[in-house]
Structures are given as C-alpha cells and as structure tokens.
C-alpha cells in the first residue's frame, strides 16, 4: 500500500542508524522524560542517564521510524 506522501514523490526517510552500531555523540538537550538527546545526521537518539554537554560512546539498542534509543558504553 502506497501512502499519500509516497504518491506525491516523498519517500519515507530511512533511519541512518542500525541496532548494534556504536557512535560517539554529544548530548544536545533533554527530552520530556529526562533522557539526553543526541543527533546523528539529524536523526534523534535518546540516551538515558546523560546530561546536556556530555560526550559519550553509545550503542544503538532500538530503532524506530523517527528516533532511536541507545545506551552509554562503559
């Protein structure tokens, strides 16, 4: 089934990250639930137990259509 957006030439954006991948990111802001928010190619990554300004190594745990969840590597 093709969505209205696809019919008008807008393909759904594929997330730029995959489960299990590791990245070094900087926490830019905090989400409503208190999780840190980083971005990879503009894609939102929620990182629990971080604060704005933290630079951390993460592993992607769960990828959704518009955002992902990650954990800090120790």
PDB file of N, CA and C in Angstrom:
ATOM      1  N   UNK A   1       0.848  -1.178   0.000  1.00  0.00           N
ATOM      2  CA  UNK A   1       0.000   0.000   0.000  1.00  0.00           C
ATOM      3  C   UNK A   1       0.896   1.246   0.000  1.00  0.00           C
ATOM      4  N   UNK A   2       0.617   2.200  -0.867  1.00  0.00           N
ATOM      5  CA  UNK A   2       1.407   3.419  -1.010  1.00  0.00           C
ATOM      6  C   UNK A   2       0.716   4.561  -0.274  1.00  0.00           C
ATOM      7  N   UNK A   3       1.486   5.290   0.530  1.00  0.00           N
ATOM      8  CA  UNK A   3       0.905   6.402   1.282  1.00  0.00           C
ATOM      9  C   UNK A   3       0.736   7.620   0.381  1.00  0.00           C
ATOM     10  N   UNK A   4      -0.024   8.600   0.852  1.00  0.00           N
ATOM     11  CA  UNK A   4      -0.241   9.850   0.127  1.00  0.00           C
ATOM     12  C   UNK A   4       1.091  10.557  -0.133  1.00  0.00           C
ATOM     13  N   UNK A   5       1.970  10.576   0.850  1.00  0.00           N
ATOM     14  CA  UNK A   5       3.271  11.225   0.676  1.00  0.00           C
ATOM     15  C   UNK A   5       4.092  10.543  -0.421  1.00  0.00           C
ATOM     16  N   UNK A   6       4.089   9.205  -0.435  1.00  0.00           N
ATOM     17  CA  UNK A   6       4.835   8.476  -1.458  1.00  0.00           C
ATOM     18  C   UNK A   6       4.281   8.760  -2.855  1.00  0.00           C
ATOM     19  N   UNK A   7       2.972   8.876  -2.972  1.00  0.00           N
ATOM     20  CA  UNK A   7       2.362   9.188  -4.266  1.00  0.00           C
ATOM     21  C   UNK A   7       2.791  10.570  -4.760  1.00  0.00           C
ATOM     22  N   UNK A   8       3.078  11.474  -3.824  1.00  0.00           N
ATOM     23  CA  UNK A   8       3.479  12.831  -4.190  1.00  0.00           C
ATOM     24  C   UNK A   8       4.993  12.997  -4.288  1.00  0.00           C
ATOM     25  N   UNK A   9       5.729  11.883  -4.320  1.00  0.00           N
ATOM     26  CA  UNK A   9       7.163  11.939  -4.537  1.00  0.00           C
ATOM     27  C   UNK A   9       8.016  12.033  -3.292  1.00  0.00           C
ATOM     28  N   UNK A  10       7.430  11.869  -2.109  1.00  0.00           N
ATOM     29  CA  UNK A  10       8.185  11.921  -0.863  1.00  0.00           C
ATOM     30  C   UNK A  10       8.315  10.507  -0.306  1.00  0.00           C
ATOM     31  N   UNK A  11       9.504   9.948  -0.434  1.00  0.00           N
ATOM     32  CA  UNK A  11       9.730   8.606   0.098  1.00  0.00           C
ATOM     33  C   UNK A  11       9.978   8.699   1.597  1.00  0.00           C
ATOM     34  N   UNK A  12       9.551   7.709   2.353  1.00  0.00           N
ATOM     35  CA  UNK A  12       9.836   7.727   3.785  1.00  0.00           C
ATOM     36  C   UNK A  12      11.346   7.721   4.001  1.00  0.00           C
ATOM     37  N   UNK A  13      11.796   8.470   5.000  1.00  0.00           N
ATOM     38  CA  UNK A  13      13.214   8.566   5.290  1.00  0.00           C
ATOM     39  C   UNK A  13      13.652   7.342   6.081  1.00  0.00           C
ATOM     40  N   UNK A  14      14.712   6.721   5.623  1.00  0.00           N
ATOM     41  CA  UNK A  14      15.253   5.553   6.313  1.00  0.00           C
ATOM     42  C   UNK A  14      16.171   6.021   7.438  1.00  0.00           C
ATOM     43  N   UNK A  15      16.023   5.470   8.646  1.00  0.00           N
ATOM     44  CA  UNK A  15      16.899   5.875   9.747  1.00  0.00           C
ATOM     45  C   UNK A  15      18.372   5.666   9.386  1.00  0.00           C
ATOM     46  N   UNK A  16      19.256   6.614   9.756  1.00  0.00           N
ATOM     47  CA  UNK A  16      20.677   6.496   9.419  1.00  0.00           C
ATOM     48  C   UNK A  16      21.468   5.617  10.391  1.00  0.00           C
ATOM     49  N   UNK A  17      20.787   4.984  11.356  1.00  0.00           N
ATOM     50  CA  UNK A  17      21.456   4.126  12.334  1.00  0.00           C
ATOM     51  C   UNK A  17      20.790   2.760  12.360  1.00  0.00           C
ATOM     52  N   UNK A  18      21.543   1.768  12.855  1.00  0.00           N
ATOM     53  CA  UNK A  18      21.016   0.410  12.987  1.00  0.00           C
ATOM     54  C   UNK A  18      21.330  -0.117  14.382  1.00  0.00           C
ATOM     55  N   UNK A  19      20.490  -1.022  14.848  1.00  0.00           N
ATOM     56  CA  UNK A  19      20.706  -1.661  16.143  1.00  0.00           C
ATOM     57  C   UNK A  19      22.097  -2.285  16.190  1.00  0.00           C
ATOM     58  N   UNK A  20      22.799  -2.030  17.300  1.00  0.00           N
ATOM     59  CA  UNK A  20      24.125  -2.600  17.495  1.00  0.00           C
ATOM     60  C   UNK A  20      25.272  -1.695  17.078  1.00  0.00           C
ATOM     61  N   UNK A  21      24.992  -0.662  16.300  1.00  0.00           N
ATOM     62  CA  UNK A  21      26.058   0.252  15.879  1.00  0.00           C
ATOM     63  C   UNK A  21      26.503   1.117  17.057  1.00  0.00           C
ATOM     64  N   UNK A  22      27.782   1.508  17.032  1.00  0.00           N
ATOM     65  CA  UNK A  22      28.356   2.336  18.095  1.00  0.00           C
ATOM     66  C   UNK A  22      28.744   3.698  17.536  1.00  0.00           C
ATOM     67  N   UNK A  23      28.543   4.730  18.338  1.00  0.00           N
ATOM     68  CA  UNK A  23      28.849   6.101  17.945  1.00  0.00           C
ATOM     69  C   UNK A  23      29.381   6.878  19.138  1.00  0.00           C
ATOM     70  N   UNK A  24      30.122   7.938  18.856  1.00  0.00           N
ATOM     71  CA  UNK A  24      30.496   8.924  19.873  1.00  0.00           C
ATOM     72  C   UNK A  24      29.625  10.138  19.589  1.00  0.00           C
ATOM     73  N   UNK A  25      28.852  10.575  20.592  1.00  0.00           N
ATOM     74  CA  UNK A  25      27.898  11.680  20.395  1.00  0.00           C
ATOM     75  C   UNK A  25      28.008  12.701  21.517  1.00  0.00           C
ATOM     76  N   UNK A  26      27.467  13.875  21.258  1.00  0.00           N
ATOM     77  CA  UNK A  26      27.361  14.916  22.277  1.00  0.00           C
ATOM     78  C   UNK A  26      25.881  15.121  22.565  1.00  0.00           C
ATOM     79  N   UNK A  27      25.523  15.147  23.842  1.00  0.00           N
ATOM     80  CA  UNK A  27      24.132  15.349  24.245  1.00  0.00           C
ATOM     81  C   UNK A  27      23.793  16.826  24.078  1.00  0.00           C
ATOM     82  N   UNK A  28      22.775  17.105  23.249  1.00  0.00           N
ATOM     83  CA  UNK A  28      22.402  18.476  22.896  1.00  0.00           C
ATOM     84  C   UNK A  28      21.315  19.060  23.781  1.00  0.00           C
ATOM     85  N   UNK A  29      20.409  18.198  24.240  1.00  0.00           N
ATOM     86  CA  UNK A  29      19.272  18.670  25.041  1.00  0.00           C
ATOM     87  C   UNK A  29      18.701  17.491  25.814  1.00  0.00           C
ATOM     88  N   UNK A  30      17.638  17.783  26.585  1.00  0.00           N
ATOM     89  CA  UNK A  30      16.966  16.730  27.342  1.00  0.00           C
ATOM     90  C   UNK A  30      15.537  16.575  26.858  1.00  0.00           C
ATOM     91  N   UNK A  31      15.074  15.332  26.789  1.00  0.00           N
ATOM     92  CA  UNK A  31      13.692  15.061  26.424  1.00  0.00           C
ATOM     93  C   UNK A  31      12.772  15.242  27.613  1.00  0.00           C
ATOM     94  N   UNK A  32      11.483  15.151  27.369  1.00  0.00           N
ATOM     95  CA  UNK A  32      10.488  15.321  28.438  1.00  0.00           C
ATOM     96  C   UNK A  32      10.681  14.342  29.582  1.00  0.00           C
ATOM     97  N   UNK A  33      11.116  13.127  29.270  1.00  0.00           N
ATOM     98  CA  UNK A  33      11.316  12.113  30.300  1.00  0.00           C
ATOM     99  C   UNK A  33      12.663  12.214  30.997  1.00  0.00           C
ATOM    100  N   UNK A  34      13.486  13.191  30.599  1.00  0.00           N
ATOM    101  CA  UNK A  34      14.782  13.383  31.226  1.00  0.00           C
ATOM    102  C   UNK A  34      15.932  12.718  30.507  1.00  0.00           C
ATOM    103  N   UNK A  35      15.640  11.953  29.446  1.00  0.00           N
ATOM    104  CA  UNK A  35      16.714  11.327  28.678  1.00  0.00           C
ATOM    105  C   UNK A  35      17.458  12.384  27.876  1.00  0.00           C
ATOM    106  N   UNK A  36      18.781  12.166  27.733  1.00  0.00           N
ATOM    107  CA  UNK A  36      19.572  13.034  26.874  1.00  0.00           C
ATOM    108  C   UNK A  36      19.187  12.808  25.419  1.00  0.00           C
ATOM    109  N   UNK A  37      19.338  13.856  24.611  1.00  0.00           N
ATOM    110  CA  UNK A  37      19.052  13.765  23.183  1.00  0.00           C
ATOM    111  C   UNK A  37      20.308  14.121  22.402  1.00  0.00           C
ATOM    112  N   UNK A  38      20.719  13.191  21.549  1.00  0.00           N
ATOM    113  CA  UNK A  38      21.811  13.423  20.610  1.00  0.00           C
ATOM    114  C   UNK A  38      21.216  13.290  19.208  1.00  0.00           C
ATOM    115  N   UNK A  39      21.966  13.717  18.212  1.00  0.00           N
ATOM    116  CA  UNK A  39      21.513  13.578  16.824  1.00  0.00           C
ATOM    117  C   UNK A  39      22.628  12.995  15.971  1.00  0.00           C
ATOM    118  N   UNK A  40      22.236  12.094  15.098  1.00  0.00           N
ATOM    119  CA  UNK A  40      23.144  11.532  14.105  1.00  0.00           C
ATOM    120  C   UNK A  40      22.509  11.801  12.752  1.00  0.00           C
ATOM    121  N   UNK A  41      23.169  12.643  11.956  1.00  0.00           N
ATOM    122  CA  UNK A  41      22.627  13.083  10.657  1.00  0.00           C
ATOM    123  C   UNK A  41      21.220  13.637  10.824  1.00  0.00           C
ATOM    124  N   UNK A  42      20.988  14.358  11.925  1.00  0.00           N
ATOM    125  CA  UNK A  42      19.690  14.964  12.202  1.00  0.00           C
ATOM    126  C   UNK A  42      18.680  14.034  12.843  1.00  0.00           C
ATOM    127  N   UNK A  43      19.004  12.762  12.952  1.00  0.00           N
ATOM    128  CA  UNK A  43      18.105  11.748  13.492  1.00  0.00           C
ATOM    129  C   UNK A  43      18.232  11.718  15.011  1.00  0.00           C
ATOM    130  N   UNK A  44      17.121  11.780  15.714  1.00  0.00           N
ATOM    131  CA  UNK A  44      17.114  11.879  17.180  1.00  0.00           C
ATOM    132  C   UNK A  44      17.439  10.531  17.822  1.00  0.00           C
ATOM    133  N   UNK A  45      18.376  10.594  18.779  1.00  0.00           N
ATOM    134  CA  UNK A  45      18.764   9.424  19.570  1.00  0.00           C
ATOM    135  C   UNK A  45      18.559   9.764  21.043  1.00  0.00           C
ATOM    136  N   UNK A  46      17.729   8.995  21.739  1.00  0.00           N
ATOM    137  CA  UNK A  46      17.507   9.179  23.173  1.00  0.00           C
ATOM    138  C   UNK A  46      18.531   8.355  23.943  1.00  0.00           C
ATOM    139  N   UNK A  47      19.220   9.026  24.895  1.00  0.00           N
ATOM    140  CA  UNK A  47      20.279   8.371  25.660  1.00  0.00           C
ATOM    141  C   UNK A  47      20.025   8.604  27.153  1.00  0.00           C
ATOM    142  N   UNK A  48      19.511   7.593  27.873  1.00  0.00           N
ATOM    143  CA  UNK A  48      19.235   7.746  29.304  1.00  0.00           C
ATOM    144  C   UNK A  48      20.512   7.996  30.109  1.00  0.00           C
ATOM    145  N   UNK A  49      20.331   8.598  31.287  1.00  0.00           N
ATOM    146  CA  UNK A  49      21.414   8.821  32.244  1.00  0.00           C
ATOM    147  C   UNK A  49      22.532   9.696  31.702  1.00  0.00           C
ATOM    148  N   UNK A  50      22.169  10.714  30.927  1.00  0.00           N
ATOM    149  CA  UNK A  50      23.141  11.680  30.419  1.00  0.00           C
ATOM    150  C   UNK A  50      22.622  13.086  30.663  1.00  0.00           C
ATOM    151  N   UNK A  51      23.528  14.045  30.562  1.00  0.00           N
ATOM    152  CA  UNK A  51      23.189  15.460  30.746  1.00  0.00           C
ATOM    153  C   UNK A  51      23.659  16.254  29.536  1.00  0.00           C
ATOM    154  N   UNK A  52      23.072  17.427  29.333  1.00  0.00           N
ATOM    155  CA  UNK A  52      23.467  18.300  28.233  1.00  0.00           C
ATOM    156  C   UNK A  52      24.967  18.578  28.335  1.00  0.00           C
ATOM    157  N   UNK A  53      25.642  18.438  27.206  1.00  0.00           N
ATOM    158  CA  UNK A  53      27.081  18.679  27.143  1.00  0.00           C
ATOM    159  C   UNK A  53      27.923  17.420  27.284  1.00  0.00           C
ATOM    160  N   UNK A  54      27.334  16.328  27.773  1.00  0.00           N
ATOM    161  CA  UNK A  54      28.087  15.073  27.889  1.00  0.00           C
ATOM    162  C   UNK A  54      28.520  14.594  26.512  1.00  0.00           C
ATOM    163  N   UNK A  55      29.746  14.120  26.402  1.00  0.00           N
ATOM    164  CA  UNK A  55      30.222  13.454  25.189  1.00  0.00           C
ATOM    165  C   UNK A  55      30.437  12.002  25.565  1.00  0.00           C
ATOM    166  N   UNK A  56      29.665  11.116  24.946  1.00  0.00           N
ATOM    167  CA  UNK A  56      29.648   9.712  25.363  1.00  0.00           C
ATOM    168  C   UNK A  56      29.702   8.776  24.167  1.00  0.00           C
ATOM    169  N   UNK A  57      30.178   7.569  24.436  1.00  0.00           N
ATOM    170  CA  UNK A  57      30.167   6.487  23.464  1.00  0.00           C
ATOM    171  C   UNK A  57      28.871   5.717  23.688  1.00  0.00           C
ATOM    172  N   UNK A  58      28.104   5.498  22.623  1.00  0.00           N
ATOM    173  CA  UNK A  58      26.810   4.820  22.758  1.00  0.00           C
ATOM    174  C   UNK A  58      26.712   3.617  21.833  1.00  0.00           C
ATOM    175  N   UNK A  59      25.770   2.747  22.152  1.00  0.00           N
ATOM    176  CA  UNK A  59      25.390   1.660  21.264  1.00  0.00           C
ATOM    177  C   UNK A  59      23.882   1.775  21.046  1.00  0.00           C
ATOM    178  N   UNK A  60      23.461   1.666  19.787  1.00  0.00           N
ATOM    179  CA  UNK A  60      22.042   1.765  19.437  1.00  0.00           C
ATOM    180  C   UNK A  60      21.344   0.478  19.866  1.00  0.00           C
ATOM    181  N   UNK A  61      20.247   0.625  20.626  1.00  0.00           N
ATOM    182  CA  UNK A  61      19.516  -0.534  21.145  1.00  0.00           C
ATOM    183  C   UNK A  61      18.200  -0.798  20.427  1.00  0.00           C
ATOM    184  N   UNK A  62      17.529   0.263  19.977  1.00  0.00           N
ATOM    185  CA  UNK A  62      16.202   0.100  19.374  1.00  0.00           C
ATOM    186  C   UNK A  62      15.981   1.245  18.391  1.00  0.00           C
ATOM    187  N   UNK A  63      15.632   0.927  17.158  1.00  0.00           N
ATOM    188  CA  UNK A  63      15.428   1.944  16.129  1.00  0.00           C
ATOM    189  C   UNK A  63      13.966   1.977  15.711  1.00  0.00           C
ATOM    190  N   UNK A  64      13.381   3.155  15.780  1.00  0.00           N
ATOM    191  CA  UNK A  64      12.016   3.397  15.314  1.00  0.00           C
ATOM    192  C   UNK A  64      12.094   4.208  14.030  1.00  0.00           C
ATOM    193  N   UNK A  65      10.951   4.517  13.453  1.00  0.00           N
ATOM    194  CA  UNK A  65      10.916   5.265  12.197  1.00  0.00           C
ATOM    195  C   UNK A  65      11.501   6.672  12.335  1.00  0.00           C
ATOM    196  N   UNK A  66      11.233   7.341  13.483  1.00  0.00           N
ATOM    197  CA  UNK A  66      11.620   8.741  13.630  1.00  0.00           C
ATOM    198  C   UNK A  66      12.658   9.007  14.715  1.00  0.00           C
ATOM    199  N   UNK A  67      13.041   7.990  15.474  1.00  0.00           N
ATOM    200  CA  UNK A  67      14.018   8.176  16.547  1.00  0.00           C
ATOM    201  C   UNK A  67      14.567   6.808  16.948  1.00  0.00           C
ATOM    202  N   UNK A  68      15.596   6.836  17.807  1.00  0.00           N
ATOM    203  CA  UNK A  68      16.186   5.583  18.296  1.00  0.00           C
ATOM    204  C   UNK A  68      16.520   5.739  19.773  1.00  0.00           C
ATOM    205  N   UNK A  69      16.730   4.597  20.434  1.00  0.00           N
ATOM    206  CA  UNK A  69      17.160   4.558  21.820  1.00  0.00           C
ATOM    207  C   UNK A  69      18.551   3.948  21.862  1.00  0.00           C
ATOM    208  N   UNK A  70      19.406   4.499  22.734  1.00  0.00           N
ATOM    209  CA  UNK A  70      20.765   3.991  22.862  1.00  0.00           C
ATOM    210  C   UNK A  70      21.136   3.890  24.339  1.00  0.00           C
ATOM    211  N   UNK A  71      22.235   3.195  24.609  1.00  0.00           N
ATOM    212  CA  UNK A  71      22.789   3.106  25.956  1.00  0.00           C
ATOM    213  C   UNK A  71      24.228   3.565  25.912  1.00  0.00           C
ATOM    214  N   UNK A  72      24.685   4.148  27.011  1.00  0.00           N
ATOM    215  CA  UNK A  72      26.068   4.569  27.124  1.00  0.00           C
ATOM    216  C   UNK A  72      26.938   3.322  27.315  1.00  0.00           C
ATOM    217  N   UNK A  73      28.036   3.256  26.577  1.00  0.00           N
ATOM    218  CA  UNK A  73      29.007   2.189  26.768  1.00  0.00           C
ATOM    219  C   UNK A  73      29.930   2.558  27.913  1.00  0.00           C
ATOM    220  N   UNK A  74      30.274   1.613  28.730  1.00  0.00           N
ATOM    221  CA  UNK A  74      31.141   1.921  29.881  1.00  0.00           C
ATOM    222  C   UNK A  74      32.529   1.402  29.660  1.00  0.00           C
TER     223      UNK A  74
END
